[in-house]
Structures are given as C-alpha cells and as structure tokens.
Amino acid sequence: MSLSNWFLLIFFTIISTAFGTAMWFLSLHLIGPTTMSLLSAVEPMTAMILSVLLLSVPMELIDYLGAGLVILMIVLQSLKTRKIG
C-alpha cells in the first residue's frame, strides 16, 4: 500500500473512532445510563441479524442462545427499572 493510502486509512480510522465515541457519550448524557446500557446490549444482536440478512451468514444454535440471553437480560433489566422507578 502506498504512503497516501496508509495516511487515509489512519485518518479515517481516527475520525470514525473519535466521532463514534463522541456520539456515544452524547447519547449517554441525553438518554441516561440505564437506557444506554440496554441499547448497547442490542448492538451484537443487530450485527448478527444484519449479517444473516445482508451476508447470508447462517445462524447456529449458539447464536440463538446468545440472542435469547440478551433478550432475557433486557426484559429482566426493564422489570427491575419499572419496580424502582
């Protein structure tokens, strides 16, 4: 790879990381830590669903179990939040 390509790769990597991190902290400030933790838990499931839909990656039993655990965690956390608040 040429030097200019390396520069562009590093530049866009730093920019996308900085922008993503800044948006995450802004979202944390705006919607609160509890909601943000629930949304963060959904990210791996979103990636899994998109990989199945867009890349035709087959889901295995462990994928279904992991998705079920994430959904269970979200439901339990939501119930806990409702009782307190």
PDB file of N, CA and C in Angstrom:
ATOM      1  N   MET A   1       0.844  -1.175   0.000  1.00  0.00           N
ATOM      2  CA  MET A   1       0.000   0.000   0.000  1.00  0.00           C
ATOM      3  C   MET A   1       0.893   1.243   0.000  1.00  0.00           C
ATOM      4  N   SER A   2       0.446   2.249  -0.703  1.00  0.00           N
ATOM      5  CA  SER A   2       1.248   3.469  -0.794  1.00  0.00           C
ATOM      6  C   SER A   2       1.130   4.278   0.498  1.00  0.00           C
ATOM      7  N   LEU A   3       2.022   5.225   0.637  1.00  0.00           N
ATOM      8  CA  LEU A   3       2.035   6.071   1.826  1.00  0.00           C
ATOM      9  C   LEU A   3       0.755   6.889   1.937  1.00  0.00           C
ATOM     10  N   SER A   4       0.234   7.376   0.828  1.00  0.00           N
ATOM     11  CA  SER A   4      -1.008   8.162   0.877  1.00  0.00           C
ATOM     12  C   SER A   4      -2.194   7.294   1.290  1.00  0.00           C
ATOM     13  N   ASN A   5      -2.203   6.038   0.863  1.00  0.00           N
ATOM     14  CA  ASN A   5      -3.270   5.132   1.289  1.00  0.00           C
ATOM     15  C   ASN A   5      -3.194   4.845   2.784  1.00  0.00           C
ATOM     16  N   TRP A   6      -1.980   4.668   3.296  1.00  0.00           N
ATOM     17  CA  TRP A   6      -1.811   4.471   4.733  1.00  0.00           C
ATOM     18  C   TRP A   6      -2.299   5.695   5.499  1.00  0.00           C
ATOM     19  N   PHE A   7      -1.960   6.864   5.000  1.00  0.00           N
ATOM     20  CA  PHE A   7      -2.395   8.095   5.650  1.00  0.00           C
ATOM     21  C   PHE A   7      -3.919   8.172   5.687  1.00  0.00           C
ATOM     22  N   LEU A   8      -4.565   7.883   4.559  1.00  0.00           N
ATOM     23  CA  LEU A   8      -6.030   7.923   4.509  1.00  0.00           C
ATOM     24  C   LEU A   8      -6.649   6.889   5.441  1.00  0.00           C
ATOM     25  N   LEU A   9      -6.072   5.703   5.483  1.00  0.00           N
ATOM     26  CA  LEU A   9      -6.573   4.658   6.369  1.00  0.00           C
ATOM     27  C   LEU A   9      -6.497   5.091   7.828  1.00  0.00           C
ATOM     28  N   ILE A  10      -5.365   5.607   8.231  1.00  0.00           N
ATOM     29  CA  ILE A  10      -5.191   6.062   9.615  1.00  0.00           C
ATOM     30  C   ILE A  10      -6.092   7.249   9.907  1.00  0.00           C
ATOM     31  N   PHE A  11      -6.178   8.183   8.996  1.00  0.00           N
ATOM     32  CA  PHE A  11      -7.013   9.370   9.180  1.00  0.00           C
ATOM     33  C   PHE A  11      -8.480   8.988   9.384  1.00  0.00           C
ATOM     34  N   PHE A  12      -9.021   8.167   8.488  1.00  0.00           N
ATOM     35  CA  PHE A  12     -10.430   7.804   8.590  1.00  0.00           C
ATOM     36  C   PHE A  12     -10.704   6.899   9.786  1.00  0.00           C
ATOM     37  N   THR A  13      -9.733   6.094  10.171  1.00  0.00           N
ATOM     38  CA  THR A  13      -9.896   5.268  11.364  1.00  0.00           C
ATOM     39  C   THR A  13      -9.997   6.141  12.604  1.00  0.00           C
ATOM     40  N   ILE A  14      -9.127   7.118  12.718  1.00  0.00           N
ATOM     41  CA  ILE A  14      -9.151   8.012  13.877  1.00  0.00           C
ATOM     42  C   ILE A  14     -10.423   8.850  13.882  1.00  0.00           C
ATOM     43  N   ILE A  15     -10.809   9.383  12.738  1.00  0.00           N
ATOM     44  CA  ILE A  15     -12.014  10.214  12.655  1.00  0.00           C
ATOM     45  C   ILE A  15     -13.252   9.402  13.013  1.00  0.00           C
ATOM     46  N   SER A  16     -13.394   8.207  12.438  1.00  0.00           N
ATOM     47  CA  SER A  16     -14.589   7.410  12.725  1.00  0.00           C
ATOM     48  C   SER A  16     -14.627   6.968  14.181  1.00  0.00           C
ATOM     49  N   THR A  17     -13.478   6.647  14.757  1.00  0.00           N
ATOM     50  CA  THR A  17     -13.440   6.266  16.163  1.00  0.00           C
ATOM     51  C   THR A  17     -13.780   7.452  17.054  1.00  0.00           C
ATOM     52  N   ALA A  18     -13.203   8.592  16.780  1.00  0.00           N
ATOM     53  CA  ALA A  18     -13.479   9.784  17.587  1.00  0.00           C
ATOM     54  C   ALA A  18     -14.940  10.199  17.465  1.00  0.00           C
ATOM     55  N   PHE A  19     -15.492  10.165  16.263  1.00  0.00           N
ATOM     56  CA  PHE A  19     -16.889  10.547  16.062  1.00  0.00           C
ATOM     57  C   PHE A  19     -17.822   9.565  16.766  1.00  0.00           C
ATOM     58  N   GLY A  20     -17.554   8.279  16.617  1.00  0.00           N
ATOM     59  CA  GLY A  20     -18.386   7.269  17.267  1.00  0.00           C
ATOM     60  C   GLY A  20     -18.349   7.383  18.778  1.00  0.00           C
ATOM     61  N   THR A  21     -17.172   7.595  19.330  1.00  0.00           N
ATOM     62  CA  THR A  21     -17.042   7.745  20.778  1.00  0.00           C
ATOM     63  C   THR A  21     -17.732   9.009  21.265  1.00  0.00           C
ATOM     64  N   ALA A  22     -17.584  10.101  20.547  1.00  0.00           N
ATOM     65  CA  ALA A  22     -18.245  11.355  20.930  1.00  0.00           C
ATOM     66  C   ALA A  22     -19.760  11.202  20.899  1.00  0.00           C
ATOM     67  N   MET A  23     -20.289  10.545  19.882  1.00  0.00           N
ATOM     68  CA  MET A  23     -21.741  10.339  19.788  1.00  0.00           C
ATOM     69  C   MET A  23     -22.244   9.422  20.894  1.00  0.00           C
ATOM     70  N   TRP A  24     -21.422   8.425  21.277  1.00  0.00           N
ATOM     71  CA  TRP A  24     -21.811   7.519  22.354  1.00  0.00           C
ATOM     72  C   TRP A  24     -21.929   8.292  23.672  1.00  0.00           C
ATOM     73  N   PHE A  25     -20.949   9.137  23.966  1.00  0.00           N
ATOM     74  CA  PHE A  25     -21.000   9.909  25.206  1.00  0.00           C
ATOM     75  C   PHE A  25     -22.114  10.947  25.183  1.00  0.00           C
ATOM     76  N   LEU A  26     -22.387  11.543  24.035  1.00  0.00           N
ATOM     77  CA  LEU A  26     -23.508  12.474  23.918  1.00  0.00           C
ATOM     78  C   LEU A  26     -24.827  11.745  24.159  1.00  0.00           C
ATOM     79  N   SER A  27     -24.979  10.566  23.580  1.00  0.00           N
ATOM     80  CA  SER A  27     -26.189   9.772  23.799  1.00  0.00           C
ATOM     81  C   SER A  27     -26.325   9.385  25.262  1.00  0.00           C
ATOM     82  N   LEU A  28     -25.224   9.028  25.881  1.00  0.00           N
ATOM     83  CA  LEU A  28     -25.235   8.679  27.299  1.00  0.00           C
ATOM     84  C   LEU A  28     -25.733   9.843  28.136  1.00  0.00           C
ATOM     85  N   HIS A  29     -25.290  11.033  27.794  1.00  0.00           N
ATOM     86  CA  HIS A  29     -25.717  12.234  28.516  1.00  0.00           C
ATOM     87  C   HIS A  29     -27.199  12.520  28.283  1.00  0.00           C
ATOM     88  N   LEU A  30     -27.680  12.306  27.058  1.00  0.00           N
ATOM     89  CA  LEU A  30     -29.062  12.660  26.714  1.00  0.00           C
ATOM     90  C   LEU A  30     -30.093  11.647  27.193  1.00  0.00           C
ATOM     91  N   ILE A  31     -29.807  10.353  27.111  1.00  0.00           N
ATOM     92  CA  ILE A  31     -30.839   9.365  27.439  1.00  0.00           C
ATOM     93  C   ILE A  31     -30.596   8.616  28.736  1.00  0.00           C
ATOM     94  N   GLY A  32     -29.445   8.775  29.340  1.00  0.00           N
ATOM     95  CA  GLY A  32     -29.186   8.153  30.634  1.00  0.00           C
ATOM     96  C   GLY A  32     -28.494   6.801  30.511  1.00  0.00           C
ATOM     97  N   PRO A  33     -27.836   6.406  31.597  1.00  0.00           N
ATOM     98  CA  PRO A  33     -27.028   5.186  31.562  1.00  0.00           C
ATOM     99  C   PRO A  33     -27.844   3.898  31.459  1.00  0.00           C
ATOM    100  N   THR A  34     -29.025   3.842  32.077  1.00  0.00           N
ATOM    101  CA  THR A  34     -29.812   2.609  32.034  1.00  0.00           C
ATOM    102  C   THR A  34     -30.278   2.308  30.622  1.00  0.00           C
ATOM    103  N   THR A  35     -30.869   3.304  29.972  1.00  0.00           N
ATOM    104  CA  THR A  35     -31.335   3.112  28.601  1.00  0.00           C
ATOM    105  C   THR A  35     -30.163   2.839  27.675  1.00  0.00           C
ATOM    106  N   MET A  36     -29.060   3.522  27.902  1.00  0.00           N
ATOM    107  CA  MET A  36     -27.885   3.328  27.052  1.00  0.00           C
ATOM    108  C   MET A  36     -27.334   1.915  27.200  1.00  0.00           C
ATOM    109  N   SER A  37     -27.351   1.367  28.413  1.00  0.00           N
ATOM    110  CA  SER A  37     -26.854   0.000  28.597  1.00  0.00           C
ATOM    111  C   SER A  37     -27.753  -1.004  27.891  1.00  0.00           C
ATOM    112  N   LEU A  38     -29.062  -0.755  27.907  1.00  0.00           N
ATOM    113  CA  LEU A  38     -29.981  -1.646  27.195  1.00  0.00           C
ATOM    114  C   LEU A  38     -29.757  -1.569  25.688  1.00  0.00           C
ATOM    115  N   LEU A  39     -29.557  -0.365  25.182  1.00  0.00           N
ATOM    116  CA  LEU A  39     -29.296  -0.212  23.748  1.00  0.00           C
ATOM    117  C   LEU A  39     -27.954  -0.828  23.357  1.00  0.00           C
ATOM    118  N   SER A  40     -26.970  -0.705  24.228  1.00  0.00           N
ATOM    119  CA  SER A  40     -25.658  -1.294  23.938  1.00  0.00           C
ATOM    120  C   SER A  40     -25.735  -2.814  23.891  1.00  0.00           C
ATOM    121  N   ALA A  41     -26.636  -3.389  24.684  1.00  0.00           N
ATOM    122  CA  ALA A  41     -26.793  -4.843  24.683  1.00  0.00           C
ATOM    123  C   ALA A  41     -27.390  -5.345  23.374  1.00  0.00           C
ATOM    124  N   VAL A  42     -28.120  -4.495  22.677  1.00  0.00           N
ATOM    125  CA  VAL A  42     -28.775  -4.892  21.429  1.00  0.00           C
ATOM    126  C   VAL A  42     -27.801  -4.847  20.244  1.00  0.00           C
ATOM    127  N   GLU A  43     -26.691  -4.150  20.376  1.00  0.00           N
ATOM    128  CA  GLU A  43     -25.748  -3.997  19.265  1.00  0.00           C
ATOM    129  C   GLU A  43     -25.260  -5.328  18.688  1.00  0.00           C
ATOM    130  N   PRO A  44     -24.840  -6.300  19.512  1.00  0.00           N
ATOM    131  CA  PRO A  44     -24.403  -7.576  18.919  1.00  0.00           C
ATOM    132  C   PRO A  44     -25.527  -8.301  18.181  1.00  0.00           C
ATOM    133  N   MET A  45     -26.745  -8.209  18.704  1.00  0.00           N
ATOM    134  CA  MET A  45     -27.875  -8.842  18.018  1.00  0.00           C
ATOM    135  C   MET A  45     -28.143  -8.167  16.682  1.00  0.00           C
ATOM    136  N   THR A  46     -28.017  -6.851  16.644  1.00  0.00           N
ATOM    137  CA  THR A  46     -28.203  -6.126  15.388  1.00  0.00           C
ATOM    138  C   THR A  46     -27.160  -6.563  14.365  1.00  0.00           C
ATOM    139  N   ALA A  47     -25.925  -6.689  14.799  1.00  0.00           N
ATOM    140  CA  ALA A  47     -24.862  -7.145  13.896  1.00  0.00           C
ATOM    141  C   ALA A  47     -25.139  -8.559  13.401  1.00  0.00           C
ATOM    142  N   MET A  48     -25.637  -9.411  14.293  1.00  0.00           N
ATOM    143  CA  MET A  48     -25.943 -10.785  13.906  1.00  0.00           C
ATOM    144  C   MET A  48     -27.079 -10.824  12.879  1.00  0.00           C
ATOM    145  N   ILE A  49     -28.137 -10.057  13.121  1.00  0.00           N
ATOM    146  CA  ILE A  49     -29.281 -10.027  12.203  1.00  0.00           C
ATOM    147  C   ILE A  49     -28.866  -9.464  10.842  1.00  0.00           C
ATOM    148  N   LEU A  50     -28.080  -8.389  10.861  1.00  0.00           N
ATOM    149  CA  LEU A  50     -27.626  -7.811   9.594  1.00  0.00           C
ATOM    150  C   LEU A  50     -26.711  -8.762   8.830  1.00  0.00           C
ATOM    151  N   SER A  51     -25.884  -9.522   9.546  1.00  0.00           N
ATOM    152  CA  SER A  51     -25.012 -10.478   8.853  1.00  0.00           C
ATOM    153  C   SER A  51     -25.824 -11.597   8.217  1.00  0.00           C
ATOM    154  N   VAL A  52     -26.919 -11.985   8.872  1.00  0.00           N
ATOM    155  CA  VAL A  52     -27.788 -13.008   8.277  1.00  0.00           C
ATOM    156  C   VAL A  52     -28.495 -12.449   7.046  1.00  0.00           C
ATOM    157  N   LEU A  53     -29.034 -11.235   7.172  1.00  0.00           N
ATOM    158  CA  LEU A  53     -29.808 -10.652   6.076  1.00  0.00           C
ATOM    159  C   LEU A  53     -28.945 -10.191   4.902  1.00  0.00           C
ATOM    160  N   LEU A  54     -27.827  -9.545   5.196  1.00  0.00           N
ATOM    161  CA  LEU A  54     -27.025  -8.945   4.134  1.00  0.00           C
ATOM    162  C   LEU A  54     -25.935  -9.865   3.590  1.00  0.00           C
ATOM    163  N   LEU A  55     -25.380 -10.703   4.453  1.00  0.00           N
ATOM    164  CA  LEU A  55     -24.251 -11.537   4.042  1.00  0.00           C
ATOM    165  C   LEU A  55     -24.603 -13.017   3.938  1.00  0.00           C
ATOM    166  N   SER A  56     -25.842 -13.365   4.256  1.00  0.00           N
ATOM    167  CA  SER A  56     -26.322 -14.757   4.214  1.00  0.00           C
ATOM    168  C   SER A  56     -25.501 -15.682   5.106  1.00  0.00           C
ATOM    169  N   VAL A  57     -25.080 -15.174   6.257  1.00  0.00           N
ATOM    170  CA  VAL A  57     -24.354 -15.991   7.221  1.00  0.00           C
ATOM    171  C   VAL A  57     -25.375 -16.843   7.974  1.00  0.00           C
ATOM    172  N   PRO A  58     -25.199 -18.156   7.995  1.00  0.00           N
ATOM    173  CA  PRO A  58     -26.188 -18.993   8.691  1.00  0.00           C
ATOM    174  C   PRO A  58     -26.052 -18.858  10.209  1.00  0.00           C
ATOM    175  N   MET A  59     -27.197 -18.852  10.885  1.00  0.00           N
ATOM    176  CA  MET A  59     -27.184 -18.800  12.350  1.00  0.00           C
ATOM    177  C   MET A  59     -27.069 -20.215  12.900  1.00  0.00           C
ATOM    178  N   GLU A  60     -26.308 -20.347  13.969  1.00  0.00           N
ATOM    179  CA  GLU A  60     -26.134 -21.637  14.617  1.00  0.00           C
ATOM    180  C   GLU A  60     -26.832 -21.605  15.967  1.00  0.00           C
ATOM    181  N   LEU A  61     -26.860 -22.737  16.635  1.00  0.00           N
ATOM    182  CA  LEU A  61     -27.538 -22.844  17.923  1.00  0.00           C
ATOM    183  C   LEU A  61     -26.985 -21.838  18.928  1.00  0.00           C
ATOM    184  N   ILE A  62     -25.678 -21.670  18.954  1.00  0.00           N
ATOM    185  CA  ILE A  62     -25.068 -20.740  19.906  1.00  0.00           C
ATOM    186  C   ILE A  62     -25.526 -19.309  19.647  1.00  0.00           C
ATOM    187  N   ASP A  63     -25.796 -18.962  18.398  1.00  0.00           N
ATOM    188  CA  ASP A  63     -26.291 -17.628  18.061  1.00  0.00           C
ATOM    189  C   ASP A  63     -27.686 -17.411  18.634  1.00  0.00           C
ATOM    190  N   TYR A  64     -28.535 -18.420  18.484  1.00  0.00           N
ATOM    191  CA  TYR A  64     -29.888 -18.324  19.041  1.00  0.00           C
ATOM    192  C   TYR A  64     -29.850 -18.239  20.567  1.00  0.00           C
ATOM    193  N   LEU A  65     -28.969 -19.022  21.184  1.00  0.00           N
ATOM    194  CA  LEU A  65     -28.847 -18.976  22.644  1.00  0.00           C
ATOM    195  C   LEU A  65     -28.354 -17.608  23.109  1.00  0.00           C
ATOM    196  N   GLY A  66     -27.375 -17.068  22.428  1.00  0.00           N
ATOM    197  CA  GLY A  66     -26.865 -15.743  22.779  1.00  0.00           C
ATOM    198  C   GLY A  66     -27.922 -14.667  22.630  1.00  0.00           C
ATOM    199  N   ALA A  67     -28.679 -14.713  21.534  1.00  0.00           N
ATOM    200  CA  ALA A  67     -29.752 -13.737  21.326  1.00  0.00           C
ATOM    201  C   ALA A  67     -30.816 -13.876  22.403  1.00  0.00           C
ATOM    202  N   GLY A  68     -31.130 -15.107  22.767  1.00  0.00           N
ATOM    203  CA  GLY A  68     -32.112 -15.329  23.832  1.00  0.00           C
ATOM    204  C   GLY A  68     -31.647 -14.770  25.163  1.00  0.00           C
ATOM    205  N   LEU A  69     -30.365 -14.933  25.473  1.00  0.00           N
ATOM    206  CA  LEU A  69     -29.831 -14.384  26.723  1.00  0.00           C
ATOM    207  C   LEU A  69     -29.858 -12.859  26.729  1.00  0.00           C
ATOM    208  N   VAL A  70     -29.555 -12.257  25.596  1.00  0.00           N
ATOM    209  CA  VAL A  70     -29.604 -10.796  25.507  1.00  0.00           C
ATOM    210  C   VAL A  70     -31.029 -10.307  25.708  1.00  0.00           C
ATOM    211  N   ILE A  71     -31.992 -10.958  25.062  1.00  0.00           N
ATOM    212  CA  ILE A  71     -33.398 -10.563  25.220  1.00  0.00           C
ATOM    213  C   ILE A  71     -33.839 -10.757  26.665  1.00  0.00           C
ATOM    214  N   LEU A  72     -33.452 -11.877  27.285  1.00  0.00           N
ATOM    215  CA  LEU A  72     -33.791 -12.119  28.690  1.00  0.00           C
ATOM    216  C   LEU A  72     -33.203 -11.037  29.590  1.00  0.00           C
ATOM    217  N   MET A  73     -31.959 -10.643  29.340  1.00  0.00           N
ATOM    218  CA  MET A  73     -31.323  -9.598  30.141  1.00  0.00           C
ATOM    219  C   MET A  73     -32.064  -8.275  29.999  1.00  0.00           C
ATOM    220  N   ILE A  74     -32.481  -7.952  28.786  1.00  0.00           N
ATOM    221  CA  ILE A  74     -33.201  -6.700  28.561  1.00  0.00           C
ATOM    222  C   ILE A  74     -34.541  -6.722  29.282  1.00  0.00           C
ATOM    223  N   VAL A  75     -35.252  -7.846  29.205  1.00  0.00           N
ATOM    224  CA  VAL A  75     -36.546  -7.959  29.888  1.00  0.00           C
ATOM    225  C   VAL A  75     -36.363  -7.846  31.394  1.00  0.00           C
ATOM    226  N   LEU A  76     -35.391  -8.560  31.950  1.00  0.00           N
ATOM    227  CA  LEU A  76     -35.161  -8.501  33.397  1.00  0.00           C
ATOM    228  C   LEU A  76     -34.748  -7.103  33.845  1.00  0.00           C
ATOM    229  N   GLN A  77     -33.891  -6.458  33.085  1.00  0.00           N
ATOM    230  CA  GLN A  77     -33.464  -5.099  33.429  1.00  0.00           C
ATOM    231  C   GLN A  77     -34.633  -4.129  33.349  1.00  0.00           C
ATOM    232  N   SER A  78     -35.512  -4.305  32.375  1.00  0.00           N
ATOM    233  CA  SER A  78     -36.680  -3.432  32.246  1.00  0.00           C
ATOM    234  C   SER A  78     -37.625  -3.619  33.421  1.00  0.00           C
ATOM    235  N   LEU A  79     -37.821  -4.859  33.857  1.00  0.00           N
ATOM    236  CA  LEU A  79     -38.686  -5.115  35.011  1.00  0.00           C
ATOM    237  C   LEU A  79     -38.097  -4.504  36.273  1.00  0.00           C
ATOM    238  N   LYS A  80     -36.794  -4.636  36.446  1.00  0.00           N
ATOM    239  CA  LYS A  80     -36.115  -4.067  37.608  1.00  0.00           C
ATOM    240  C   LYS A  80     -36.242  -2.547  37.604  1.00  0.00           C
ATOM    241  N   THR A  81     -36.102  -1.934  36.451  1.00  0.00           N
ATOM    242  CA  THR A  81     -36.198  -0.480  36.337  1.00  0.00           C
ATOM    243  C   THR A  81     -37.605   0.001  36.659  1.00  0.00           C
ATOM    244  N   ARG A  82     -38.618  -0.710  36.219  1.00  0.00           N
ATOM    245  CA  ARG A  82     -40.002  -0.305  36.480  1.00  0.00           C
ATOM    246  C   ARG A  82     -40.334  -0.367  37.959  1.00  0.00           C
ATOM    247  N   LYS A  83     -39.844  -1.384  38.676  1.00  0.00           N
ATOM    248  CA  LYS A  83     -40.149  -1.510  40.097  1.00  0.00           C
ATOM    249  C   LYS A  83     -39.544  -0.367  40.902  1.00  0.00           C
ATOM    250  N   ILE A  84     -38.338   0.028  40.555  1.00  0.00           N
ATOM    251  CA  ILE A  84     -37.668   1.103  41.286  1.00  0.00           C
ATOM    252  C   ILE A  84     -38.270   2.444  40.923  1.00  0.00           C
ATOM    253  N   GLY A  85     -38.454   2.697  39.644  1.00  0.00           N
ATOM    254  CA  GLY A  85     -38.930   3.995  39.180  1.00  0.00           C
ATOM    255  C   GLY A  85     -40.395   4.013  39.136  1.00  0.00           C
TER     256      GLY A  85
END
